[in-house]
């Protein structure tokens, strides 16, 4: 099965593409795209990987589902296309960056600029039906993205994993905390941001850690 994903990832994930669960997932996703409004656009399903080759990964942020509103999802967790209004969780992420690093909130919510610096913006589920949050959960994507996290944890060192909310923290249990920095906080959604996401200072802590390992900090 020829999955169109960036080569360094393809080399490592090829065994997954041959598994029966993944083949069933592909069949499901193709049928969904052919018959319903599905996000992100098909060409952007693996956008997070295409902008952040395996060798470049310095930070991993774990999300849950793509946005399910028109024109929002672009294949990177928490990110929206240029010109799209910032969803509430992204607004709160930018507020925390503003408070943590004393820098202005950007006009664009497109986080490809982070991905291009080595931030893997990984949703647990990579597709979703329009206006139906969680509609593509438990179809196989979670098994695939678990393998992505395992490969990064096993084959790299000194990666920062930002796990926001109980879902991301549970998904990150296979990350080796002896080789990597794992930072946890409540989810940045309006329902939980005030219970510890605000003030977590994950962005400055990430850059301090990267600098301590001789790696270039992220321009957030």
Protein backbone atom coordinates (compact mmCIF):
# COMPACT_ATOMS: atom_id res chain seq x y z
CA UNK A 1 0.00 0.00 0.00
CA UNK A 2 1.52 3.32 -1.08
CA UNK A 3 0.86 5.84 1.68
CA UNK A 4 1.90 9.34 0.67
CA UNK A 5 3.87 10.49 3.71
CA UNK A 6 7.28 12.12 4.10
CA UNK A 7 10.07 9.64 3.30
CA UNK A 8 11.84 9.49 6.67
CA UNK A 9 8.51 8.63 8.31
CA UNK A 10 7.58 6.22 5.57
CA UNK A 11 10.83 4.32 6.10
CA UNK A 12 10.00 3.83 9.79
CA UNK A 13 6.24 3.33 9.57
CA UNK A 14 6.12 1.04 6.51
CA UNK A 15 5.44 -2.05 8.67
CA UNK A 16 2.30 -0.37 10.04
CA UNK A 17 0.95 0.24 6.54
CA UNK A 18 1.00 -3.50 5.90
CA UNK A 19 -1.02 -4.37 9.02
CA UNK A 20 -4.62 -5.44 8.61
CA UNK A 21 -5.90 -2.71 10.96
CA UNK A 22 -4.28 -0.01 8.82
CA UNK A 23 -5.65 -1.45 5.60
CA UNK A 24 -9.13 -1.47 7.14
CA UNK A 25 -8.56 2.12 8.26
CA UNK A 26 -7.60 3.21 4.75
CA UNK A 27 -10.69 1.55 3.34
CA UNK A 28 -12.88 3.31 5.91
CA UNK A 29 -11.27 6.71 5.31
CA UNK A 30 -11.55 6.44 1.52
CA UNK A 31 -15.25 5.59 1.78
CA UNK A 32 -15.83 8.51 4.15
CA UNK A 33 -14.08 11.02 1.87
CA UNK A 34 -16.06 9.73 -1.11
CA UNK A 35 -19.45 10.06 0.56
CA UNK A 36 -19.21 12.80 3.25
CA UNK A 37 -17.54 16.10 4.13
CA UNK A 38 -14.34 15.04 5.89
CA UNK A 39 -11.55 17.20 7.33
CA UNK A 40 -8.75 17.95 6.76
CA UNK A 41 -8.54 17.90 2.94
CA UNK A 42 -7.19 14.51 1.87
CA UNK A 43 -3.86 15.96 0.77
CA UNK A 44 -3.25 17.29 4.30
CA UNK A 45 -3.93 14.14 6.36
CA UNK A 46 -0.19 13.63 6.93
CA UNK A 47 0.72 17.34 6.85
CA UNK A 48 2.26 17.20 10.34
CA UNK A 49 4.77 14.61 9.13
CA UNK A 50 5.44 16.34 5.82
CA UNK A 51 6.48 19.55 7.60
CA UNK A 52 8.48 17.78 10.31
CA UNK A 53 10.72 14.94 9.07
CA UNK A 54 11.74 12.35 11.66
CA UNK A 55 15.30 13.66 11.90
CA UNK A 56 14.00 17.15 12.70
CA UNK A 57 11.70 16.25 15.61
CA UNK A 58 12.59 18.15 18.79
CA UNK A 59 9.14 18.64 20.32
CA UNK A 60 5.93 16.60 20.16
CA UNK A 61 2.52 18.10 21.00
CA UNK A 62 -0.32 15.58 21.22
CA UNK A 63 -3.88 16.57 20.27
CA UNK A 64 -7.03 14.51 19.94
CA UNK A 65 -9.16 15.22 16.83
CA UNK A 66 -8.84 17.58 13.87
CA UNK A 67 -11.11 20.61 14.01
CA UNK A 68 -14.47 19.76 12.46
CA UNK A 69 -15.57 23.22 11.26
CA UNK A 70 -15.32 24.46 7.65
CA UNK A 71 -11.79 25.39 6.55
CA UNK A 72 -10.20 24.94 9.97
CA UNK A 73 -8.20 21.70 10.01
CA UNK A 74 -4.87 21.63 8.19
CA UNK A 75 -3.42 18.37 9.46
CA UNK A 76 -1.57 19.75 12.49
CA UNK A 77 -3.04 19.60 15.99
CA UNK A 78 -4.37 22.91 17.34
CA UNK A 79 -3.48 24.61 14.03
CA UNK A 80 -5.81 26.32 11.56
CA UNK A 81 -5.30 27.53 8.01
CA UNK A 82 -4.19 31.11 7.37
CA UNK A 83 -7.04 33.59 7.69
CA UNK A 84 -9.18 31.32 9.90
CA UNK A 85 -10.33 32.65 13.27
CA UNK A 86 -8.36 31.14 16.16
CA UNK A 87 -10.41 28.45 17.96
CA UNK A 88 -10.63 28.82 21.77
CA UNK A 89 -7.89 26.30 22.64
CA UNK A 90 -5.47 27.94 20.21
CA UNK A 91 -6.34 31.37 21.64
CA UNK A 92 -5.38 30.06 25.07
CA UNK A 93 -2.13 28.55 23.77
CA UNK A 94 -1.19 31.93 22.32
CA UNK A 95 -2.17 33.67 25.59
CA UNK A 96 0.14 31.36 27.53
CA UNK A 97 2.98 32.02 25.08
CA UNK A 98 2.35 35.74 25.44
CA UNK A 99 2.53 35.52 29.24
CA UNK A 100 5.41 33.04 29.30
CA UNK A 101 7.66 34.61 26.69
CA UNK A 102 6.32 38.18 26.53
CA UNK A 103 5.68 38.06 22.82
CA UNK A 104 2.62 39.26 20.89
CA UNK A 105 -0.19 36.98 19.79
CA UNK A 106 0.30 36.22 16.07
CA UNK A 107 -2.33 37.03 13.47
CA UNK A 108 -2.15 33.60 11.86
CA UNK A 109 -3.11 30.40 13.66
CA UNK A 110 -1.26 28.32 11.09
CA UNK A 111 1.34 26.38 13.12
CA UNK A 112 3.26 25.07 10.11
CA UNK A 113 5.90 27.58 11.21
CA UNK A 114 6.36 25.47 14.37
CA UNK A 115 6.37 22.19 12.46
CA UNK A 116 9.09 23.50 10.15
CA UNK A 117 11.28 24.03 13.23
CA UNK A 118 10.86 20.46 14.50
CA UNK A 119 7.55 20.48 16.39
CA UNK A 120 5.50 17.38 15.55
CA UNK A 121 1.87 18.47 15.96
CA UNK A 122 0.26 15.06 16.25
CA UNK A 123 -3.46 14.44 16.56
CA UNK A 124 -4.38 11.00 17.88
CA UNK A 125 -7.02 10.77 15.14
CA UNK A 126 -6.07 12.25 11.78
CA UNK A 127 -9.50 12.65 10.16
CA UNK A 128 -13.01 13.69 11.23
CA UNK A 129 -16.46 14.14 9.71
CA UNK A 130 -17.68 17.74 9.43
CA UNK A 131 -19.44 18.97 12.57
CA UNK A 132 -19.08 15.56 14.26
CA UNK A 133 -16.30 15.62 16.84
CA UNK A 134 -14.82 12.20 17.51
CA UNK A 135 -16.55 10.60 14.52
CA UNK A 136 -13.37 8.84 13.33
CA UNK A 137 -12.17 7.66 16.72
CA UNK A 138 -11.64 3.93 17.31
CA UNK A 139 -11.18 3.19 13.60
CA UNK A 140 -7.44 2.54 13.78
CA UNK A 141 -5.86 5.98 13.81
CA UNK A 142 -5.04 5.74 17.53
CA UNK A 143 -3.04 2.54 17.00
CA UNK A 144 -1.11 4.22 14.21
CA UNK A 145 -0.32 7.36 16.21
CA UNK A 146 0.67 5.25 19.23
CA UNK A 147 3.29 3.68 16.97
CA UNK A 148 4.47 7.15 15.91
CA UNK A 149 5.02 8.08 19.55
CA UNK A 150 6.77 4.78 20.27
CA UNK A 151 9.15 5.24 17.33
CA UNK A 152 10.04 8.77 18.40
CA UNK A 153 10.55 7.70 22.01
CA UNK A 154 12.64 4.65 21.12
CA UNK A 155 14.76 6.00 18.28
CA UNK A 156 15.43 9.57 19.40
CA UNK A 157 16.79 11.28 22.52
CA UNK A 158 16.14 14.63 24.20
CA UNK A 159 12.71 15.25 22.67
CA UNK A 160 10.21 17.39 24.61
CA UNK A 161 6.71 15.89 24.83
CA UNK A 162 3.95 18.37 25.70
CA UNK A 163 0.95 16.44 27.01
CA UNK A 164 -2.04 18.68 27.67
CA UNK A 165 -5.09 17.06 29.25
CA UNK A 166 -5.86 13.54 30.43
CA UNK A 167 -6.26 12.12 26.94
CA UNK A 168 -2.82 13.22 25.76
CA UNK A 169 -1.22 12.16 29.04
CA UNK A 170 -2.68 8.68 28.75
CA UNK A 171 -1.52 8.44 25.16
CA UNK A 172 1.98 9.49 26.18
CA UNK A 173 2.46 6.70 28.71
CA UNK A 174 4.84 4.82 26.40
CA UNK A 175 7.27 7.74 26.22
CA UNK A 176 10.55 7.04 28.02
CA UNK A 177 10.91 9.84 30.56
CA UNK A 178 14.55 8.93 31.18
CA UNK A 179 15.53 9.87 27.60
CA UNK A 180 13.11 12.72 27.03
CA UNK A 181 11.46 15.65 28.82
CA UNK A 182 7.75 15.03 29.43
CA UNK A 183 5.75 18.10 30.47
CA UNK A 184 2.12 17.74 31.56
CA UNK A 185 -0.64 20.30 32.09
CA UNK A 186 -4.42 20.56 31.82
CA UNK A 187 -5.86 20.97 28.33
CA UNK A 188 -5.86 24.54 26.94
CA UNK A 189 -9.61 24.45 26.27
CA UNK A 190 -11.71 27.14 28.03
CA UNK A 191 -13.07 24.41 30.33
CA UNK A 192 -9.69 23.57 31.86
CA UNK A 193 -7.09 26.20 30.92
CA UNK A 194 -7.55 28.08 34.20
CA UNK A 195 -6.87 24.94 36.26
CA UNK A 196 -3.18 24.84 35.40
CA UNK A 197 -2.55 25.32 31.70
CA UNK A 198 -2.20 29.05 32.22
CA UNK A 199 1.07 29.51 34.04
CA UNK A 200 2.54 26.12 33.06
CA UNK A 201 5.35 27.89 31.18
CA UNK A 202 5.82 24.90 28.91
CA UNK A 203 7.18 27.04 26.09
CA UNK A 204 10.05 28.57 28.05
CA UNK A 205 10.72 25.23 29.76
CA UNK A 206 10.91 23.55 26.36
CA UNK A 207 13.43 26.07 25.09
CA UNK A 208 15.53 25.90 28.26
CA UNK A 209 15.73 22.12 27.90
CA UNK A 210 16.59 22.24 24.19
CA UNK A 211 19.30 24.82 24.86
CA UNK A 212 20.72 22.66 27.66
CA UNK A 213 21.07 19.81 25.14
CA UNK A 214 22.78 21.99 22.55
CA UNK A 215 19.68 22.19 20.37
CA UNK A 216 18.19 25.32 18.79
CA UNK A 217 15.17 26.61 20.74
CA UNK A 218 11.79 26.96 19.04
CA UNK A 219 10.66 30.39 17.89
CA UNK A 220 7.11 30.18 19.26
